[in-house]
């Protein structure tokens, strides 16, 4: 997988000076990517920290969940 591009990257244009990035949105895109990565890391840490506790939670004996609640929860999950 992968390949190699060849040829002139900017035909008719001078080579970049190196002082300015070729993509004016690169810094903004990198900032967004960094924020997403931090959010994913925070979510993974929270999941790791609380997963064992949440798996151990059990409902009281005789506590029932009506079918309408399950239908509503399924609709909420589908909307996300």
PDB file of N, CA and C in Angstrom:
ATOM      1  N   UNK A   1       0.849  -1.171   0.000  1.00  0.00           N
ATOM      2  CA  UNK A   1       0.000   0.000   0.000  1.00  0.00           C
ATOM      3  C   UNK A   1       0.884   1.219   0.000  1.00  0.00           C
ATOM      4  N   UNK A   2       0.396   2.248  -0.570  1.00  0.00           N
ATOM      5  CA  UNK A   2       1.162   3.487  -0.620  1.00  0.00           C
ATOM      6  C   UNK A   2       1.803   3.626  -1.973  1.00  0.00           C
ATOM      7  N   UNK A   3       2.300   4.752  -2.226  1.00  0.00           N
ATOM      8  CA  UNK A   3       2.915   4.991  -3.510  1.00  0.00           C
ATOM      9  C   UNK A   3       3.847   6.168  -3.437  1.00  0.00           C
ATOM     10  N   UNK A   4       4.260   6.593  -4.575  1.00  0.00           N
ATOM     11  CA  UNK A   4       5.190   7.708  -4.631  1.00  0.00           C
ATOM     12  C   UNK A   4       4.715   8.635  -5.737  1.00  0.00           C
ATOM     13  N   UNK A   5       4.643   9.905  -5.407  1.00  0.00           N
ATOM     14  CA  UNK A   5       4.278  10.898  -6.411  1.00  0.00           C
ATOM     15  C   UNK A   5       5.551  11.491  -6.979  1.00  0.00           C
ATOM     16  N   UNK A   6       5.545  11.727  -8.248  1.00  0.00           N
ATOM     17  CA  UNK A   6       6.712  12.351  -8.857  1.00  0.00           C
ATOM     18  C   UNK A   6       6.243  13.472  -9.751  1.00  0.00           C
ATOM     19  N   UNK A   7       7.160  14.300 -10.115  1.00  0.00           N
ATOM     20  CA  UNK A   7       6.814  15.419 -10.971  1.00  0.00           C
ATOM     21  C   UNK A   7       7.088  16.726 -10.262  1.00  0.00           C
ATOM     22  N   UNK A   8       6.660  17.780 -10.861  1.00  0.00           N
ATOM     23  CA  UNK A   8       6.878  19.117 -10.306  1.00  0.00           C
ATOM     24  C   UNK A   8       5.680  19.450  -9.425  1.00  0.00           C
ATOM     25  N   UNK A   9       5.897  19.711  -8.113  1.00  0.00           N
ATOM     26  CA  UNK A   9       4.769  19.931  -7.217  1.00  0.00           C
ATOM     27  C   UNK A   9       3.990  21.208  -7.520  1.00  0.00           C
ATOM     28  N   UNK A  10       4.676  22.256  -7.935  1.00  0.00           N
ATOM     29  CA  UNK A  10       4.014  23.529  -8.224  1.00  0.00           C
ATOM     30  C   UNK A  10       4.495  24.052  -9.571  1.00  0.00           C
ATOM     31  N   UNK A  11       4.018  23.508 -10.658  1.00  0.00           N
ATOM     32  CA  UNK A  11       4.518  23.945 -11.960  1.00  0.00           C
ATOM     33  C   UNK A  11       4.281  25.437 -12.160  1.00  0.00           C
ATOM     34  N   UNK A  12       5.332  26.132 -12.581  1.00  0.00           N
ATOM     35  CA  UNK A  12       5.225  27.556 -12.847  1.00  0.00           C
ATOM     36  C   UNK A  12       5.364  28.442 -11.627  1.00  0.00           C
ATOM     37  N   UNK A  13       5.476  27.855 -10.448  1.00  0.00           N
ATOM     38  CA  UNK A  13       5.610  28.637  -9.221  1.00  0.00           C
ATOM     39  C   UNK A  13       7.006  28.469  -8.655  1.00  0.00           C
ATOM     40  N   UNK A  14       7.450  29.484  -7.941  1.00  0.00           N
ATOM     41  CA  UNK A  14       8.754  29.404  -7.293  1.00  0.00           C
ATOM     42  C   UNK A  14       8.672  28.422  -6.139  1.00  0.00           C
ATOM     43  N   UNK A  15       9.790  27.804  -5.836  1.00  0.00           N
ATOM     44  CA  UNK A  15       9.836  26.861  -4.715  1.00  0.00           C
ATOM     45  C   UNK A  15       9.564  27.616  -3.415  1.00  0.00           C
ATOM     46  N   UNK A  16       8.901  26.981  -2.452  1.00  0.00           N
ATOM     47  CA  UNK A  16       8.633  27.645  -1.182  1.00  0.00           C
ATOM     48  C   UNK A  16       9.939  28.033  -0.496  1.00  0.00           C
ATOM     49  N   UNK A  17       9.910  29.168   0.200  1.00  0.00           N
ATOM     50  CA  UNK A  17      11.118  29.674   0.851  1.00  0.00           C
ATOM     51  C   UNK A  17      11.446  28.906   2.118  1.00  0.00           C
ATOM     52  N   UNK A  18      10.490  28.206   2.673  1.00  0.00           N
ATOM     53  CA  UNK A  18      10.714  27.506   3.929  1.00  0.00           C
ATOM     54  C   UNK A  18      10.301  28.346   5.123  1.00  0.00           C
ATOM     55  N   UNK A  19      10.017  29.611   4.910  1.00  0.00           N
ATOM     56  CA  UNK A  19       9.620  30.492   6.004  1.00  0.00           C
ATOM     57  C   UNK A  19       8.138  30.363   6.328  1.00  0.00           C
ATOM     58  N   UNK A  20       7.351  29.990   5.360  1.00  0.00           N
ATOM     59  CA  UNK A  20       5.913  29.871   5.542  1.00  0.00           C
ATOM     60  C   UNK A  20       5.491  28.492   5.067  1.00  0.00           C
ATOM     61  N   UNK A  21       4.647  27.839   5.850  1.00  0.00           N
ATOM     62  CA  UNK A  21       4.158  26.532   5.454  1.00  0.00           C
ATOM     63  C   UNK A  21       3.347  26.632   4.173  1.00  0.00           C
ATOM     64  N   UNK A  22       3.376  25.599   3.352  1.00  0.00           N
ATOM     65  CA  UNK A  22       2.649  25.635   2.084  1.00  0.00           C
ATOM     66  C   UNK A  22       1.136  25.643   2.265  1.00  0.00           C
ATOM     67  N   UNK A  23       0.642  25.166   3.391  1.00  0.00           N
ATOM     68  CA  UNK A  23      -0.794  25.126   3.631  1.00  0.00           C
ATOM     69  C   UNK A  23      -1.133  26.159   4.699  1.00  0.00           C
ATOM     70  N   UNK A  24      -1.874  27.204   4.367  1.00  0.00           N
ATOM     71  CA  UNK A  24      -2.187  28.229   5.358  1.00  0.00           C
ATOM     72  C   UNK A  24      -3.090  27.716   6.480  1.00  0.00           C
ATOM     73  N   UNK A  25      -3.730  26.579   6.287  1.00  0.00           N
ATOM     74  CA  UNK A  25      -4.608  26.015   7.312  1.00  0.00           C
ATOM     75  C   UNK A  25      -3.932  24.928   8.138  1.00  0.00           C
ATOM     76  N   UNK A  26      -2.652  24.675   7.893  1.00  0.00           N
ATOM     77  CA  UNK A  26      -1.967  23.570   8.565  1.00  0.00           C
ATOM     78  C   UNK A  26      -1.955  23.747  10.076  1.00  0.00           C
ATOM     79  N   UNK A  27      -1.671  24.941  10.564  1.00  0.00           N
ATOM     80  CA  UNK A  27      -1.608  25.163  12.013  1.00  0.00           C
ATOM     81  C   UNK A  27      -2.976  24.960  12.651  1.00  0.00           C
ATOM     82  N   UNK A  28      -4.019  25.468  12.009  1.00  0.00           N
ATOM     83  CA  UNK A  28      -5.374  25.299  12.538  1.00  0.00           C
ATOM     84  C   UNK A  28      -5.772  23.824  12.531  1.00  0.00           C
ATOM     85  N   UNK A  29      -5.461  23.129  11.442  1.00  0.00           N
ATOM     86  CA  UNK A  29      -5.781  21.701  11.349  1.00  0.00           C
ATOM     87  C   UNK A  29      -5.028  20.908  12.408  1.00  0.00           C
ATOM     88  N   UNK A  30      -3.756  21.255  12.635  1.00  0.00           N
ATOM     89  CA  UNK A  30      -2.969  20.557  13.650  1.00  0.00           C
ATOM     90  C   UNK A  30      -3.547  20.802  15.035  1.00  0.00           C
ATOM     91  N   UNK A  31      -3.986  22.043  15.302  1.00  0.00           N
ATOM     92  CA  UNK A  31      -4.599  22.359  16.592  1.00  0.00           C
ATOM     93  C   UNK A  31      -5.863  21.535  16.802  1.00  0.00           C
ATOM     94  N   UNK A  32      -6.692  21.426  15.776  1.00  0.00           N
ATOM     95  CA  UNK A  32      -7.915  20.626  15.877  1.00  0.00           C
ATOM     96  C   UNK A  32      -7.573  19.160  16.105  1.00  0.00           C
ATOM     97  N   UNK A  33      -6.597  18.650  15.371  1.00  0.00           N
ATOM     98  CA  UNK A  33      -6.188  17.248  15.537  1.00  0.00           C
ATOM     99  C   UNK A  33      -5.653  17.003  16.941  1.00  0.00           C
ATOM    100  N   UNK A  34      -4.879  17.949  17.473  1.00  0.00           N
ATOM    101  CA  UNK A  34      -4.346  17.803  18.829  1.00  0.00           C
ATOM    102  C   UNK A  34      -5.467  17.800  19.861  1.00  0.00           C
ATOM    103  N   UNK A  35      -6.462  18.666  19.675  1.00  0.00           N
ATOM    104  CA  UNK A  35      -7.576  18.713  20.623  1.00  0.00           C
ATOM    105  C   UNK A  35      -8.388  17.426  20.570  1.00  0.00           C
ATOM    106  N   UNK A  36      -8.596  16.892  19.376  1.00  0.00           N
ATOM    107  CA  UNK A  36      -9.319  15.620  19.242  1.00  0.00           C
ATOM    108  C   UNK A  36      -8.540  14.502  19.918  1.00  0.00           C
ATOM    109  N   UNK A  37      -7.228  14.467  19.711  1.00  0.00           N
ATOM    110  CA  UNK A  37      -6.396  13.426  20.326  1.00  0.00           C
ATOM    111  C   UNK A  37      -6.462  13.516  21.846  1.00  0.00           C
ATOM    112  N   UNK A  38      -6.428  14.742  22.394  1.00  0.00           N
ATOM    113  CA  UNK A  38      -6.531  14.897  23.855  1.00  0.00           C
ATOM    114  C   UNK A  38      -7.887  14.414  24.354  1.00  0.00           C
ATOM    115  N   UNK A  39      -8.960  14.721  23.620  1.00  0.00           N
ATOM    116  CA  UNK A  39     -10.298  14.288  24.027  1.00  0.00           C
ATOM    117  C   UNK A  39     -10.421  12.770  23.990  1.00  0.00           C
ATOM    118  N   UNK A  40      -9.859  12.145  22.966  1.00  0.00           N
ATOM    119  CA  UNK A  40      -9.902  10.681  22.865  1.00  0.00           C
ATOM    120  C   UNK A  40      -9.111  10.052  24.006  1.00  0.00           C
ATOM    121  N   UNK A  41      -7.929  10.624  24.312  1.00  0.00           N
ATOM    122  CA  UNK A  41      -7.136  10.108  25.437  1.00  0.00           C
ATOM    123  C   UNK A  41      -7.890  10.241  26.752  1.00  0.00           C
ATOM    124  N   UNK A  42      -8.528  11.401  26.972  1.00  0.00           N
ATOM    125  CA  UNK A  42      -9.289  11.609  28.205  1.00  0.00           C
ATOM    126  C   UNK A  42     -10.441  10.614  28.300  1.00  0.00           C
ATOM    127  N   UNK A  43     -11.126  10.367  27.191  1.00  0.00           N
ATOM    128  CA  UNK A  43     -12.230   9.404  27.191  1.00  0.00           C
ATOM    129  C   UNK A  43     -11.727   7.995  27.476  1.00  0.00           C
ATOM    130  N   UNK A  44     -10.595   7.628  26.889  1.00  0.00           N
ATOM    131  CA  UNK A  44     -10.032   6.293  27.122  1.00  0.00           C
ATOM    132  C   UNK A  44      -9.616   6.135  28.578  1.00  0.00           C
ATOM    133  N   UNK A  45      -9.041   7.187  29.160  1.00  0.00           N
ATOM    134  CA  UNK A  45      -8.651   7.117  30.573  1.00  0.00           C
ATOM    135  C   UNK A  45      -9.874   6.974  31.467  1.00  0.00           C
ATOM    136  N   UNK A  46     -10.933   7.732  31.184  1.00  0.00           N
ATOM    137  CA  UNK A  46     -12.160   7.626  31.976  1.00  0.00           C
ATOM    138  C   UNK A  46     -12.770   6.237  31.821  1.00  0.00           C
ATOM    139  N   UNK A  47     -12.774   5.716  30.607  1.00  0.00           N
ATOM    140  CA  UNK A  47     -13.306   4.377  30.368  1.00  0.00           C
ATOM    141  C   UNK A  47     -12.517   3.344  31.158  1.00  0.00           C
ATOM    142  N   UNK A  48     -11.191   3.449  31.102  1.00  0.00           N
ATOM    143  CA  UNK A  48     -10.338   2.499  31.819  1.00  0.00           C
ATOM    144  C   UNK A  48     -10.579   2.597  33.322  1.00  0.00           C
ATOM    145  N   UNK A  49     -10.727   3.827  33.818  1.00  0.00           N
ATOM    146  CA  UNK A  49     -10.868   4.040  35.254  1.00  0.00           C
ATOM    147  C   UNK A  49     -12.201   3.518  35.779  1.00  0.00           C
ATOM    148  N   UNK A  50     -13.281   3.697  35.023  1.00  0.00           N
ATOM    149  CA  UNK A  50     -14.607   3.391  35.548  1.00  0.00           C
ATOM    150  C   UNK A  50     -15.234   2.122  34.988  1.00  0.00           C
ATOM    151  N   UNK A  51     -14.649   1.500  34.000  1.00  0.00           N
ATOM    152  CA  UNK A  51     -15.266   0.326  33.369  1.00  0.00           C
ATOM    153  C   UNK A  51     -15.484  -0.810  34.366  1.00  0.00           C
ATOM    154  N   UNK A  52     -14.481  -1.106  35.176  1.00  0.00           N
ATOM    155  CA  UNK A  52     -14.609  -2.205  36.140  1.00  0.00           C
ATOM    156  C   UNK A  52     -15.729  -1.919  37.135  1.00  0.00           C
ATOM    157  N   UNK A  53     -15.806  -0.674  37.594  1.00  0.00           N
ATOM    158  CA  UNK A  53     -16.839  -0.296  38.558  1.00  0.00           C
ATOM    159  C   UNK A  53     -18.221  -0.414  37.923  1.00  0.00           C
ATOM    160  N   UNK A  54     -18.363   0.091  36.713  1.00  0.00           N
ATOM    161  CA  UNK A  54     -19.666   0.045  36.049  1.00  0.00           C
ATOM    162  C   UNK A  54     -20.097  -1.381  35.734  1.00  0.00           C
ATOM    163  N   UNK A  55     -19.138  -2.242  35.370  1.00  0.00           N
ATOM    164  CA  UNK A  55     -19.488  -3.649  35.110  1.00  0.00           C
ATOM    165  C   UNK A  55     -19.989  -4.330  36.373  1.00  0.00           C
ATOM    166  N   UNK A  56     -19.531  -3.871  37.522  1.00  0.00           N
ATOM    167  CA  UNK A  56     -19.934  -4.495  38.776  1.00  0.00           C
ATOM    168  C   UNK A  56     -21.287  -4.042  39.286  1.00  0.00           C
ATOM    169  N   UNK A  57     -21.856  -3.010  38.704  1.00  0.00           N
ATOM    170  CA  UNK A  57     -23.152  -2.527  39.169  1.00  0.00           C
ATOM    171  C   UNK A  57     -24.251  -3.503  38.774  1.00  0.00           C
ATOM    172  N   UNK A  58     -25.093  -3.810  39.712  1.00  0.00           N
ATOM    173  CA  UNK A  58     -26.220  -4.714  39.464  1.00  0.00           C
ATOM    174  C   UNK A  58     -27.491  -4.055  39.981  1.00  0.00           C
ATOM    175  N   UNK A  59     -28.580  -4.282  39.291  1.00  0.00           N
ATOM    176  CA  UNK A  59     -29.872  -3.749  39.723  1.00  0.00           C
ATOM    177  C   UNK A  59     -30.394  -4.576  40.891  1.00  0.00           C
ATOM    178  N   UNK A  60     -31.209  -3.938  41.699  1.00  0.00           N
ATOM    179  CA  UNK A  60     -31.821  -4.652  42.820  1.00  0.00           C
ATOM    180  C   UNK A  60     -32.731  -5.756  42.287  1.00  0.00           C
ATOM    181  N   UNK A  61     -32.858  -6.797  43.062  1.00  0.00           N
ATOM    182  CA  UNK A  61     -33.741  -7.904  42.702  1.00  0.00           C
ATOM    183  C   UNK A  61     -35.163  -7.376  42.553  1.00  0.00           C
ATOM    184  N   UNK A  62     -35.805  -7.737  41.474  1.00  0.00           N
ATOM    185  CA  UNK A  62     -37.182  -7.325  41.241  1.00  0.00           C
ATOM    186  C   UNK A  62     -37.318  -5.986  40.537  1.00  0.00           C
ATOM    187  N   UNK A  63     -36.213  -5.292  40.330  1.00  0.00           N
ATOM    188  CA  UNK A  63     -36.282  -4.015  39.633  1.00  0.00           C
ATOM    189  C   UNK A  63     -36.423  -4.291  38.144  1.00  0.00           C
ATOM    190  N   UNK A  64     -37.478  -3.807  37.571  1.00  0.00           N
ATOM    191  CA  UNK A  64     -37.718  -4.054  36.153  1.00  0.00           C
ATOM    192  C   UNK A  64     -37.609  -2.774  35.344  1.00  0.00           C
ATOM    193  N   UNK A  65     -37.302  -2.932  34.094  1.00  0.00           N
ATOM    194  CA  UNK A  65     -37.240  -1.805  33.169  1.00  0.00           C
ATOM    195  C   UNK A  65     -38.312  -2.042  32.115  1.00  0.00           C
ATOM    196  N   UNK A  66     -39.265  -1.122  32.026  1.00  0.00           N
ATOM    197  CA  UNK A  66     -40.348  -1.313  31.058  1.00  0.00           C
ATOM    198  C   UNK A  66     -39.833  -1.325  29.619  1.00  0.00           C
ATOM    199  N   UNK A  67     -40.565  -2.010  28.761  1.00  0.00           N
ATOM    200  CA  UNK A  67     -40.183  -2.103  27.349  1.00  0.00           C
ATOM    201  C   UNK A  67     -40.097  -0.722  26.708  1.00  0.00           C
ATOM    202  N   UNK A  68     -40.948   0.202  27.145  1.00  0.00           N
ATOM    203  CA  UNK A  68     -40.923   1.558  26.579  1.00  0.00           C
ATOM    204  C   UNK A  68     -39.592   2.244  26.872  1.00  0.00           C
ATOM    205  N   UNK A  69     -39.014   1.969  28.029  1.00  0.00           N
ATOM    206  CA  UNK A  69     -37.718   2.565  28.370  1.00  0.00           C
ATOM    207  C   UNK A  69     -36.632   2.022  27.458  1.00  0.00           C
ATOM    208  N   UNK A  70     -36.654   0.708  27.204  1.00  0.00           N
ATOM    209  CA  UNK A  70     -35.664   0.118  26.297  1.00  0.00           C
ATOM    210  C   UNK A  70     -35.823   0.675  24.884  1.00  0.00           C
ATOM    211  N   UNK A  71     -37.070   0.852  24.443  1.00  0.00           N
ATOM    212  CA  UNK A  71     -37.327   1.415  23.116  1.00  0.00           C
ATOM    213  C   UNK A  71     -36.793   2.840  23.033  1.00  0.00           C
ATOM    214  N   UNK A  72     -37.031   3.623  24.092  1.00  0.00           N
ATOM    215  CA  UNK A  72     -36.546   4.998  24.130  1.00  0.00           C
ATOM    216  C   UNK A  72     -35.018   5.035  24.116  1.00  0.00           C
ATOM    217  N   UNK A  73     -34.389   4.158  24.896  1.00  0.00           N
ATOM    218  CA  UNK A  73     -32.922   4.106  24.940  1.00  0.00           C
ATOM    219  C   UNK A  73     -32.349   3.707  23.581  1.00  0.00           C
ATOM    220  N   UNK A  74     -32.993   2.762  22.914  1.00  0.00           N
ATOM    221  CA  UNK A  74     -32.524   2.340  21.591  1.00  0.00           C
ATOM    222  C   UNK A  74     -32.644   3.487  20.592  1.00  0.00           C
ATOM    223  N   UNK A  75     -33.718   4.247  20.691  1.00  0.00           N
ATOM    224  CA  UNK A  75     -33.888   5.404  19.812  1.00  0.00           C
ATOM    225  C   UNK A  75     -32.827   6.459  20.069  1.00  0.00           C
ATOM    226  N   UNK A  76     -32.508   6.679  21.355  1.00  0.00           N
ATOM    227  CA  UNK A  76     -31.454   7.641  21.701  1.00  0.00           C
ATOM    228  C   UNK A  76     -30.111   7.189  21.154  1.00  0.00           C
ATOM    229  N   UNK A  77     -29.814   5.904  21.305  1.00  0.00           N
ATOM    230  CA  UNK A  77     -28.532   5.381  20.817  1.00  0.00           C
ATOM    231  C   UNK A  77     -28.447   5.482  19.300  1.00  0.00           C
ATOM    232  N   UNK A  78     -29.547   5.234  18.620  1.00  0.00           N
ATOM    233  CA  UNK A  78     -29.547   5.317  17.158  1.00  0.00           C
ATOM    234  C   UNK A  78     -29.354   6.753  16.687  1.00  0.00           C
ATOM    235  N   UNK A  79     -29.852   7.705  17.469  1.00  0.00           N
ATOM    236  CA  UNK A  79     -29.722   9.116  17.098  1.00  0.00           C
ATOM    237  C   UNK A  79     -28.289   9.602  17.219  1.00  0.00           C
ATOM    238  N   UNK A  80     -27.535   8.955  18.082  1.00  0.00           N
ATOM    239  CA  UNK A  80     -26.139   9.365  18.280  1.00  0.00           C
ATOM    240  C   UNK A  80     -25.318   8.759  17.191  1.00  0.00           C
TER     241      UNK A  80
END
